[in-house]
Amino acid sequence: MHINRLKTKHILAGAAMALALALGACSDRVVEPPPLGDATSHNIAAQIVNPKPVPTDVAPEMNGERDAGALTRYEKGKVIKPENAKTSEIRNNGGGGGGGGGGTP
């Protein structure tokens, strides 16, 4: 008899725990993620594709003959090298290296 009582207690305890877990899942609360800050929110938004992009009336410039010629030159290994493009010139006014203000303009 003693063993039957222990089994019954274990079964009832297990059923109560299962019921508690099942009812705990019936919450209408929406769990929101913690605030991550403006920079993180901006970066996330920047990486999401706009599902409804703004339509433009201007079609991109296309030239089939030019593109075919470029492909042919690529296949033959005679690609036209780009012009010598230079970056903008950056001038150093002699500023200090320790994070100081800088030199005189």
C-alpha atoms as a PDB file:
ATOM      1  CA  MET A   1       0.000   0.000   0.000  1.00  0.00           C
ATOM      2  CA  HIS A   2       2.763   2.363   0.849  1.00  0.00           C
ATOM      3  CA  ILE A   3       4.280   1.970  -2.630  1.00  0.00           C
ATOM      4  CA  ASN A   4       0.945   2.745  -4.318  1.00  0.00           C
ATOM      5  CA  ARG A   5       0.667   6.007  -2.371  1.00  0.00           C
ATOM      6  CA  LEU A   6       4.181   7.064  -3.485  1.00  0.00           C
ATOM      7  CA  LYS A   7       3.372   6.252  -7.098  1.00  0.00           C
ATOM      8  CA  THR A   8       0.143   8.222  -6.869  1.00  0.00           C
ATOM      9  CA  LYS A   9       1.964  11.225  -5.357  1.00  0.00           C
ATOM     10  CA  HIS A  10       4.589  11.130  -8.123  1.00  0.00           C
ATOM     11  CA  ILE A  11       1.941  10.884 -10.814  1.00  0.00           C
ATOM     12  CA  LEU A  12      -0.062  13.766  -9.330  1.00  0.00           C
ATOM     13  CA  ALA A  13       3.060  15.913  -8.930  1.00  0.00           C
ATOM     14  CA  GLY A  14       4.071  15.223 -12.540  1.00  0.00           C
ATOM     15  CA  ALA A  15       0.602  16.059 -13.799  1.00  0.00           C
ATOM     16  CA  ALA A  16       0.570  19.310 -11.802  1.00  0.00           C
ATOM     17  CA  MET A  17       3.945  20.312 -13.249  1.00  0.00           C
ATOM     18  CA  ALA A  18       2.787  19.510 -16.793  1.00  0.00           C
ATOM     19  CA  LEU A  19      -0.366  21.566 -16.248  1.00  0.00           C
ATOM     20  CA  ALA A  20       1.653  24.484 -14.891  1.00  0.00           C
ATOM     21  CA  LEU A  21       3.974  24.405 -17.916  1.00  0.00           C
ATOM     22  CA  ALA A  22       1.056  24.189 -20.334  1.00  0.00           C
ATOM     23  CA  LEU A  23      -0.752  27.132 -18.734  1.00  0.00           C
ATOM     24  CA  GLY A  24       2.446  29.152 -18.632  1.00  0.00           C
ATOM     25  CA  ALA A  25       2.649  28.972 -22.418  1.00  0.00           C
ATOM     26  CA  CYS A  26      -0.792  30.589 -22.725  1.00  0.00           C
ATOM     27  CA  SER A  27       0.462  34.093 -22.078  1.00  0.00           C
ATOM     28  CA  ASP A  28      -0.661  36.984 -24.281  1.00  0.00           C
ATOM     29  CA  ARG A  29       2.484  38.986 -23.545  1.00  0.00           C
ATOM     30  CA  VAL A  30       4.841  39.676 -26.411  1.00  0.00           C
ATOM     31  CA  VAL A  31       8.459  39.408 -25.391  1.00  0.00           C
ATOM     32  CA  GLU A  32      10.349  42.340 -26.879  1.00  0.00           C
ATOM     33  CA  PRO A  33      14.110  42.371 -27.281  1.00  0.00           C
ATOM     34  CA  PRO A  34      16.046  44.767 -25.072  1.00  0.00           C
ATOM     35  CA  PRO A  35      16.782  48.199 -26.554  1.00  0.00           C
ATOM     36  CA  LEU A  36      20.048  48.024 -28.465  1.00  0.00           C
ATOM     37  CA  GLY A  37      20.640  51.728 -29.043  1.00  0.00           C
ATOM     38  CA  ASP A  38      20.238  54.052 -31.994  1.00  0.00           C
ATOM     39  CA  ALA A  39      23.407  52.985 -33.812  1.00  0.00           C
ATOM     40  CA  THR A  40      22.469  49.305 -33.779  1.00  0.00           C
ATOM     41  CA  SER A  41      18.882  50.048 -34.831  1.00  0.00           C
ATOM     42  CA  HIS A  42      20.166  52.220 -37.696  1.00  0.00           C
ATOM     43  CA  ASN A  43      22.565  49.497 -38.858  1.00  0.00           C
ATOM     44  CA  ILE A  44      19.829  46.872 -38.795  1.00  0.00           C
ATOM     45  CA  ALA A  45      17.474  49.139 -40.763  1.00  0.00           C
ATOM     46  CA  ALA A  46      20.207  49.879 -43.315  1.00  0.00           C
ATOM     47  CA  GLN A  47      20.650  46.168 -44.043  1.00  0.00           C
ATOM     48  CA  ILE A  48      16.968  45.467 -44.684  1.00  0.00           C
ATOM     49  CA  VAL A  49      15.827  45.626 -48.302  1.00  0.00           C
ATOM     50  CA  ASN A  50      12.942  47.993 -48.912  1.00  0.00           C
ATOM     51  CA  PRO A  51      10.038  45.772 -50.027  1.00  0.00           C
ATOM     52  CA  LYS A  52       8.432  48.730 -51.857  1.00  0.00           C
ATOM     53  CA  PRO A  53      11.267  50.773 -53.361  1.00  0.00           C
ATOM     54  CA  VAL A  54      10.578  54.197 -54.801  1.00  0.00           C
ATOM     55  CA  PRO A  55       9.905  53.773 -58.536  1.00  0.00           C
ATOM     56  CA  THR A  56      12.041  55.730 -60.958  1.00  0.00           C
ATOM     57  CA  ASP A  57      11.034  56.704 -64.467  1.00  0.00           C
ATOM     58  CA  VAL A  58      14.596  56.740 -65.761  1.00  0.00           C
ATOM     59  CA  ALA A  59      15.841  53.425 -67.146  1.00  0.00           C
ATOM     60  CA  PRO A  60      19.511  52.569 -66.565  1.00  0.00           C
ATOM     61  CA  GLU A  61      21.836  53.295 -69.462  1.00  0.00           C
ATOM     62  CA  MET A  62      22.434  50.167 -71.530  1.00  0.00           C
ATOM     63  CA  ASN A  63      24.450  49.549 -74.672  1.00  0.00           C
ATOM     64  CA  GLY A  64      24.463  45.991 -76.002  1.00  0.00           C
ATOM     65  CA  GLU A  65      27.216  46.589 -78.563  1.00  0.00           C
ATOM     66  CA  ARG A  66      29.537  48.109 -75.984  1.00  0.00           C
ATOM     67  CA  ASP A  67      28.847  45.294 -73.524  1.00  0.00           C
ATOM     68  CA  ALA A  68      29.401  42.622 -76.192  1.00  0.00           C
ATOM     69  CA  GLY A  69      32.704  44.270 -77.156  1.00  0.00           C
ATOM     70  CA  ALA A  70      33.809  44.342 -73.530  1.00  0.00           C
ATOM     71  CA  LEU A  71      32.985  40.640 -73.145  1.00  0.00           C
ATOM     72  CA  THR A  72      34.918  39.776 -76.315  1.00  0.00           C
ATOM     73  CA  ARG A  73      37.964  41.773 -75.144  1.00  0.00           C
ATOM     74  CA  TYR A  74      37.753  40.036 -71.748  1.00  0.00           C
ATOM     75  CA  GLU A  75      37.671  36.600 -73.338  1.00  0.00           C
ATOM     76  CA  LYS A  76      40.695  37.444 -75.538  1.00  0.00           C
ATOM     77  CA  GLY A  77      42.655  38.968 -72.653  1.00  0.00           C
ATOM     78  CA  LYS A  78      42.754  42.444 -74.222  1.00  0.00           C
ATOM     79  CA  VAL A  79      40.883  44.424 -71.599  1.00  0.00           C
ATOM     80  CA  ILE A  80      41.154  48.216 -71.877  1.00  0.00           C
ATOM     81  CA  LYS A  81      42.900  49.522 -68.776  1.00  0.00           C
ATOM     82  CA  PRO A  82      41.097  52.301 -66.934  1.00  0.00           C
ATOM     83  CA  GLU A  83      42.410  55.849 -66.962  1.00  0.00           C
ATOM     84  CA  ASN A  84      44.777  56.909 -64.212  1.00  0.00           C
ATOM     85  CA  ALA A  85      42.240  58.062 -61.704  1.00  0.00           C
ATOM     86  CA  LYS A  86      43.668  59.969 -58.759  1.00  0.00           C
ATOM     87  CA  THR A  87      42.168  60.363 -55.362  1.00  0.00           C
ATOM     88  CA  SER A  88      41.747  63.789 -53.882  1.00  0.00           C
ATOM     89  CA  GLU A  89      44.890  65.312 -52.476  1.00  0.00           C
ATOM     90  CA  ILE A  90      45.040  65.364 -48.710  1.00  0.00           C
ATOM     91  CA  ARG A  91      47.172  68.035 -47.145  1.00  0.00           C
ATOM     92  CA  ASN A  92      48.761  67.705 -43.749  1.00  0.00           C
ATOM     93  CA  ASN A  93      49.167  70.996 -41.969  1.00  0.00           C
ATOM     94  CA  GLY A  94      51.781  69.587 -39.636  1.00  0.00           C
ATOM     95  CA  GLY A  95      49.546  68.620 -36.748  1.00  0.00           C
ATOM     96  CA  GLY A  96      50.989  66.952 -33.670  1.00  0.00           C
ATOM     97  CA  GLY A  97      50.929  63.177 -33.281  1.00  0.00           C
ATOM     98  CA  GLY A  98      49.596  63.084 -29.724  1.00  0.00           C
ATOM     99  CA  GLY A  99      46.057  63.954 -30.603  1.00  0.00           C
ATOM    100  CA  GLY A 100      46.936  67.627 -30.301  1.00  0.00           C
ATOM    101  CA  GLY A 101      45.228  70.374 -32.193  1.00  0.00           C
ATOM    102  CA  GLY A 102      47.389  70.617 -35.276  1.00  0.00           C
ATOM    103  CA  GLY A 103      49.553  73.115 -37.019  1.00  0.00           C
ATOM    104  CA  THR A 104      48.787  76.595 -38.201  1.00  0.00           C
ATOM    105  CA  PRO A 105      46.682  76.871 -41.310  1.00  0.00           C
END
